[in-house]
Amino acid sequence: MARVTVEDCSLKIPNRFDLVICAAQRTRQISAGSPLTVERDNDKNPVVALREIAEGHVVAENLMEATVNGFRRHVEAEPQEEEFAELFAQETNSYFTDQTAELDEMTIEGEEEFEVEEEFAKEENPSPEAE
């Protein structure tokens, strides 16, 4: 029975190597407790997986993606985590921008005071060249 199933599966997944990878992944999912999409008929998990693939109840791309994700050591960040990181960067940037603006205002205030003091000093002590 498995031989006929493999031939039927080759119509859905033409590459036999990809077929083996997909069937193995689906077998792992079934062993882990994933619900069956076809009747078991006293068949073992690999045969059930091949029958599901042949009948088109499972998508080969999803199985390939699940296989690749299973081998990853570094899991990609979830979209929520990426949004949080962007929000954090914006908040941090706005905080530092506000702090920089306050420092710029302080510097400008200090410069104005210094210029005023220079004007008073000129009025009190006229330069000898002006006379």
Protein backbone atom coordinates (compact mmCIF):
# COMPACT_ATOMS: atom_id res chain seq x y z
CA MET A 1 0.00 0.00 0.00
CA ALA A 2 2.83 2.44 0.76
CA ARG A 3 4.27 2.00 -2.74
CA VAL A 4 1.04 3.21 -4.36
CA THR A 5 0.92 6.10 -1.88
CA VAL A 6 4.47 7.19 -2.77
CA GLU A 7 3.55 7.22 -6.46
CA ASP A 8 0.46 9.29 -5.67
CA CYS A 9 2.57 11.66 -3.57
CA SER A 10 5.02 12.21 -6.42
CA LEU A 11 2.19 14.00 -8.25
CA LYS A 12 1.90 16.48 -5.36
CA ILE A 13 5.63 16.76 -4.59
CA PRO A 14 7.71 15.86 -7.66
CA ASN A 15 11.09 15.87 -5.91
CA ARG A 16 11.44 12.60 -3.97
CA PHE A 17 13.91 14.14 -1.52
CA ASP A 18 11.42 16.88 -0.64
CA LEU A 19 8.73 14.22 -0.36
CA VAL A 20 10.78 12.28 2.20
CA ILE A 21 11.43 15.46 4.21
CA CYS A 22 7.75 16.43 4.18
CA ALA A 23 6.57 12.93 5.07
CA ALA A 24 9.07 12.70 7.92
CA GLN A 25 7.96 16.08 9.29
CA ARG A 26 4.29 15.13 9.08
CA THR A 27 5.10 11.81 10.77
CA ARG A 28 6.75 13.73 13.62
CA GLN A 29 3.69 15.95 13.91
CA ILE A 30 1.37 12.94 14.03
CA SER A 31 3.58 11.27 16.67
CA ALA A 32 3.44 14.48 18.71
CA GLY A 33 -0.36 14.33 18.73
CA SER A 34 -1.41 16.38 15.73
CA PRO A 35 -4.93 15.44 14.56
CA LEU A 36 -5.19 13.14 11.55
CA THR A 37 -6.89 14.35 8.38
CA VAL A 38 -7.50 10.82 7.01
CA GLU A 39 -8.64 7.62 8.70
CA ARG A 40 -5.87 5.56 10.24
CA ASP A 41 -7.08 2.17 8.92
CA ASN A 42 -4.57 0.43 11.22
CA ASP A 43 -1.66 2.07 9.35
CA LYS A 44 1.50 3.34 10.94
CA ASN A 45 2.27 7.06 11.17
CA PRO A 46 4.56 7.26 8.07
CA VAL A 47 1.90 5.62 5.88
CA VAL A 48 -0.77 7.95 7.26
CA ALA A 49 1.50 10.93 6.54
CA LEU A 50 2.03 9.79 2.95
CA ARG A 51 -1.72 9.29 2.48
CA GLU A 52 -2.40 12.80 3.80
CA ILE A 53 0.14 14.26 1.36
CA ALA A 54 -1.25 12.23 -1.56
CA GLU A 55 -4.81 13.37 -0.88
CA GLY A 56 -3.70 17.00 -0.52
CA HIS A 57 -4.85 17.42 3.09
CA VAL A 58 -1.52 18.97 4.10
CA VAL A 59 0.46 21.67 2.30
CA ALA A 60 4.03 20.77 1.38
CA GLU A 61 5.28 24.35 1.86
CA ASN A 62 4.02 24.38 5.45
CA LEU A 63 5.78 21.09 6.18
CA MET A 64 9.04 22.35 4.64
CA GLU A 65 8.82 25.56 6.68
CA ALA A 66 8.17 23.59 9.87
CA THR A 67 11.21 21.42 9.10
CA VAL A 68 13.46 24.44 8.56
CA ASN A 69 12.18 26.12 11.73
CA GLY A 70 12.91 22.93 13.67
CA PHE A 71 16.59 23.10 12.71
CA ARG A 72 17.09 26.79 13.50
CA ARG A 73 19.25 27.63 16.45
CA HIS A 74 18.33 31.30 16.45
CA VAL A 75 14.60 31.84 16.24
CA GLU A 76 13.56 34.95 14.35
CA ALA A 77 11.90 37.66 16.39
CA GLU A 78 8.14 37.69 16.44
CA PRO A 79 6.46 40.70 14.81
CA GLN A 80 5.30 41.88 18.25
CA GLU A 81 8.89 41.91 19.50
CA GLU A 82 9.98 43.87 16.43
CA GLU A 83 7.21 46.42 17.04
CA PHE A 84 8.30 46.71 20.67
CA ALA A 85 11.91 47.24 19.59
CA GLU A 86 10.86 49.97 17.14
CA LEU A 87 8.71 51.67 19.78
CA PHE A 88 11.55 51.48 22.29
CA ALA A 89 13.95 53.01 19.77
CA GLN A 90 11.51 55.84 19.04
CA GLU A 91 10.95 56.55 22.73
CA THR A 92 14.67 56.51 23.42
CA ASN A 93 15.36 58.76 20.45
CA SER A 94 12.66 61.25 21.50
CA TYR A 95 14.00 61.27 25.07
CA PHE A 96 17.51 62.08 23.92
CA THR A 97 16.18 64.67 21.47
CA ASP A 98 14.29 66.38 24.31
CA GLN A 99 17.35 66.28 26.54
CA THR A 100 19.53 67.73 23.77
CA ALA A 101 16.99 70.52 23.16
CA GLU A 102 17.05 71.40 26.87
CA LEU A 103 20.84 71.49 26.84
CA ASP A 104 20.82 73.72 23.76
CA GLU A 105 18.44 76.13 25.49
CA MET A 106 20.70 76.22 28.53
CA THR A 107 23.69 77.02 26.38
CA ILE A 108 21.85 79.79 24.57
CA GLU A 109 20.72 81.33 27.86
CA GLY A 110 24.29 81.25 29.14
CA GLU A 111 25.63 82.87 25.98
CA GLU A 112 23.12 85.72 26.21
CA GLU A 113 24.12 86.43 29.80
CA PHE A 114 27.75 86.44 28.79
CA GLU A 115 27.14 88.93 25.96
CA VAL A 116 25.23 91.24 28.30
CA GLU A 117 28.12 91.18 30.76
CA GLU A 118 30.55 92.11 27.96
CA GLU A 119 28.40 95.14 27.03
CA PHE A 120 28.41 96.37 30.65
CA ALA A 121 32.15 95.90 30.83
CA LYS A 122 32.64 98.03 27.69
CA GLU A 123 30.45 100.83 29.09
CA GLU A 124 32.30 100.86 32.42
CA ASN A 125 35.78 100.69 30.92
CA PRO A 126 35.93 102.46 27.60
CA SER A 127 38.85 101.44 25.47
CA PRO A 128 41.72 103.95 25.11
CA GLU A 129 41.48 103.77 21.31
CA ALA A 130 37.94 105.15 21.31
CA GLU A 131 39.11 108.39 22.99
